Amino acid sequence: MSYNLYDYNIKIFFDELDNDYVAFIEEIPECSAFGSTAESALRKLEIAFEGWMEAIIKRGHPIPEPIDDACKLSF
């Protein structure tokens, strides 16, 4: 089964050390992105997720299932 980014729980926070927003997927913490705004970090996460998903499928690895049926976007 294939999932959409918004099937997952997305977390966004401001990193004071790097002075950037960080967006990551709770179920896939190794898939993350940075941006100068929360919206920018989320857009970059969309791109990162597409690349991550392509790589996982190509390698035949299992795709992590979302924790819930509904997307949770947390700031």
C-alpha atoms as a PDB file:
ATOM      1  CA  MET A   1       0.000   0.000   0.000  1.00  0.00           C
ATOM      2  CA  SER A   2       1.194   3.504  -0.764  1.00  0.00           C
ATOM      3  CA  TYR A   3       0.605   6.482   1.482  1.00  0.00           C
ATOM      4  CA  ASN A   4       0.431  10.226   1.008  1.00  0.00           C
ATOM      5  CA  LEU A   5       2.507  12.551   3.221  1.00  0.00           C
ATOM      6  CA  TYR A   6      -0.659  13.854   4.859  1.00  0.00           C
ATOM      7  CA  ASP A   7      -1.612  10.351   5.999  1.00  0.00           C
ATOM      8  CA  TYR A   8       1.210  10.671   8.539  1.00  0.00           C
ATOM      9  CA  ASN A   9       1.700  12.722  11.695  1.00  0.00           C
ATOM     10  CA  ILE A  10       3.774  15.777  10.798  1.00  0.00           C
ATOM     11  CA  LYS A  11       5.642  17.769  13.422  1.00  0.00           C
ATOM     12  CA  ILE A  12       7.016  21.273  12.844  1.00  0.00           C
ATOM     13  CA  PHE A  13       9.078  23.235  15.339  1.00  0.00           C
ATOM     14  CA  PHE A  14      11.414  26.208  15.420  1.00  0.00           C
ATOM     15  CA  ASP A  15      15.066  25.313  16.032  1.00  0.00           C
ATOM     16  CA  GLU A  16      16.632  28.276  17.816  1.00  0.00           C
ATOM     17  CA  LEU A  17      20.165  26.937  17.324  1.00  0.00           C
ATOM     18  CA  ASP A  18      19.850  26.876  13.521  1.00  0.00           C
ATOM     19  CA  ASN A  19      17.283  29.702  13.392  1.00  0.00           C
ATOM     20  CA  ASP A  20      15.099  27.569  11.081  1.00  0.00           C
ATOM     21  CA  TYR A  21      11.879  25.596  11.193  1.00  0.00           C
ATOM     22  CA  VAL A  22      12.178  21.821  11.120  1.00  0.00           C
ATOM     23  CA  ALA A  23       9.461  19.551   9.735  1.00  0.00           C
ATOM     24  CA  PHE A  24       9.517  15.776  10.159  1.00  0.00           C
ATOM     25  CA  ILE A  25       7.212  12.794  10.015  1.00  0.00           C
ATOM     26  CA  GLU A  26       6.656  11.165  13.398  1.00  0.00           C
ATOM     27  CA  GLU A  27       6.467   7.676  11.880  1.00  0.00           C
ATOM     28  CA  ILE A  28       9.513   8.327   9.640  1.00  0.00           C
ATOM     29  CA  PRO A  29      11.843  10.596  11.684  1.00  0.00           C
ATOM     30  CA  GLU A  30      14.710  10.193   9.212  1.00  0.00           C
ATOM     31  CA  CYS A  31      12.591  12.073   6.641  1.00  0.00           C
ATOM     32  CA  SER A  32      12.864  15.749   7.557  1.00  0.00           C
ATOM     33  CA  ALA A  33      13.308  19.206   6.070  1.00  0.00           C
ATOM     34  CA  PHE A  34      14.257  22.727   7.113  1.00  0.00           C
ATOM     35  CA  GLY A  35      12.955  26.130   6.080  1.00  0.00           C
ATOM     36  CA  SER A  36      12.948  29.782   7.077  1.00  0.00           C
ATOM     37  CA  THR A  37       9.187  29.531   7.728  1.00  0.00           C
ATOM     38  CA  ALA A  38       6.946  26.676   8.840  1.00  0.00           C
ATOM     39  CA  GLU A  39       5.292  26.702   5.404  1.00  0.00           C
ATOM     40  CA  SER A  40       8.665  26.487   3.658  1.00  0.00           C
ATOM     41  CA  ALA A  41       9.743  23.570   5.844  1.00  0.00           C
ATOM     42  CA  LEU A  42       6.471  21.776   5.065  1.00  0.00           C
ATOM     43  CA  ARG A  43       6.875  22.308   1.295  1.00  0.00           C
ATOM     44  CA  LYS A  44      10.417  20.942   1.481  1.00  0.00           C
ATOM     45  CA  LEU A  45       9.175  17.984   3.525  1.00  0.00           C
ATOM     46  CA  GLU A  46       6.733  17.171   0.712  1.00  0.00           C
ATOM     47  CA  ILE A  47       9.695  16.941  -1.701  1.00  0.00           C
ATOM     48  CA  ALA A  48      11.804  14.942   0.765  1.00  0.00           C
ATOM     49  CA  PHE A  49       8.937  12.510   1.361  1.00  0.00           C
ATOM     50  CA  GLU A  50       8.509  11.875  -2.375  1.00  0.00           C
ATOM     51  CA  GLY A  51      12.214  11.060  -2.721  1.00  0.00           C
ATOM     52  CA  TRP A  52      12.216   8.929   0.406  1.00  0.00           C
ATOM     53  CA  MET A  53       9.161   6.980  -0.780  1.00  0.00           C
ATOM     54  CA  GLU A  54      10.708   6.366  -4.224  1.00  0.00           C
ATOM     55  CA  ALA A  55      13.889   5.034  -2.595  1.00  0.00           C
ATOM     56  CA  ILE A  56      11.987   2.749  -0.195  1.00  0.00           C
ATOM     57  CA  ILE A  57       9.880   1.290  -2.993  1.00  0.00           C
ATOM     58  CA  LYS A  58      12.907   0.847  -5.271  1.00  0.00           C
ATOM     59  CA  ARG A  59      14.777  -1.049  -2.537  1.00  0.00           C
ATOM     60  CA  GLY A  60      11.741  -3.163  -1.666  1.00  0.00           C
ATOM     61  CA  HIS A  61      11.657  -2.044   1.961  1.00  0.00           C
ATOM     62  CA  PRO A  62       8.356  -1.967   3.839  1.00  0.00           C
ATOM     63  CA  ILE A  63       6.546   1.347   3.977  1.00  0.00           C
ATOM     64  CA  PRO A  64       5.757   2.414   7.553  1.00  0.00           C
ATOM     65  CA  GLU A  65       2.055   2.633   8.273  1.00  0.00           C
ATOM     66  CA  PRO A  66       0.595   5.838   9.666  1.00  0.00           C
ATOM     67  CA  ILE A  67      -0.130   5.773  13.398  1.00  0.00           C
ATOM     68  CA  ASP A  68      -3.704   6.996  12.850  1.00  0.00           C
ATOM     69  CA  ASP A  69      -6.048   7.348   9.885  1.00  0.00           C
ATOM     70  CA  ALA A  70      -6.060  11.146  10.215  1.00  0.00           C
ATOM     71  CA  CYS A  71      -3.168  13.520   9.645  1.00  0.00           C
ATOM     72  CA  LYS A  72      -2.008  15.473  12.623  1.00  0.00           C
ATOM     73  CA  LEU A  73      -0.033  18.601  11.909  1.00  0.00           C
ATOM     74  CA  SER A  74       1.648  19.867  15.067  1.00  0.00           C
ATOM     75  CA  PHE A  75       3.583  23.104  15.592  1.00  0.00           C
END
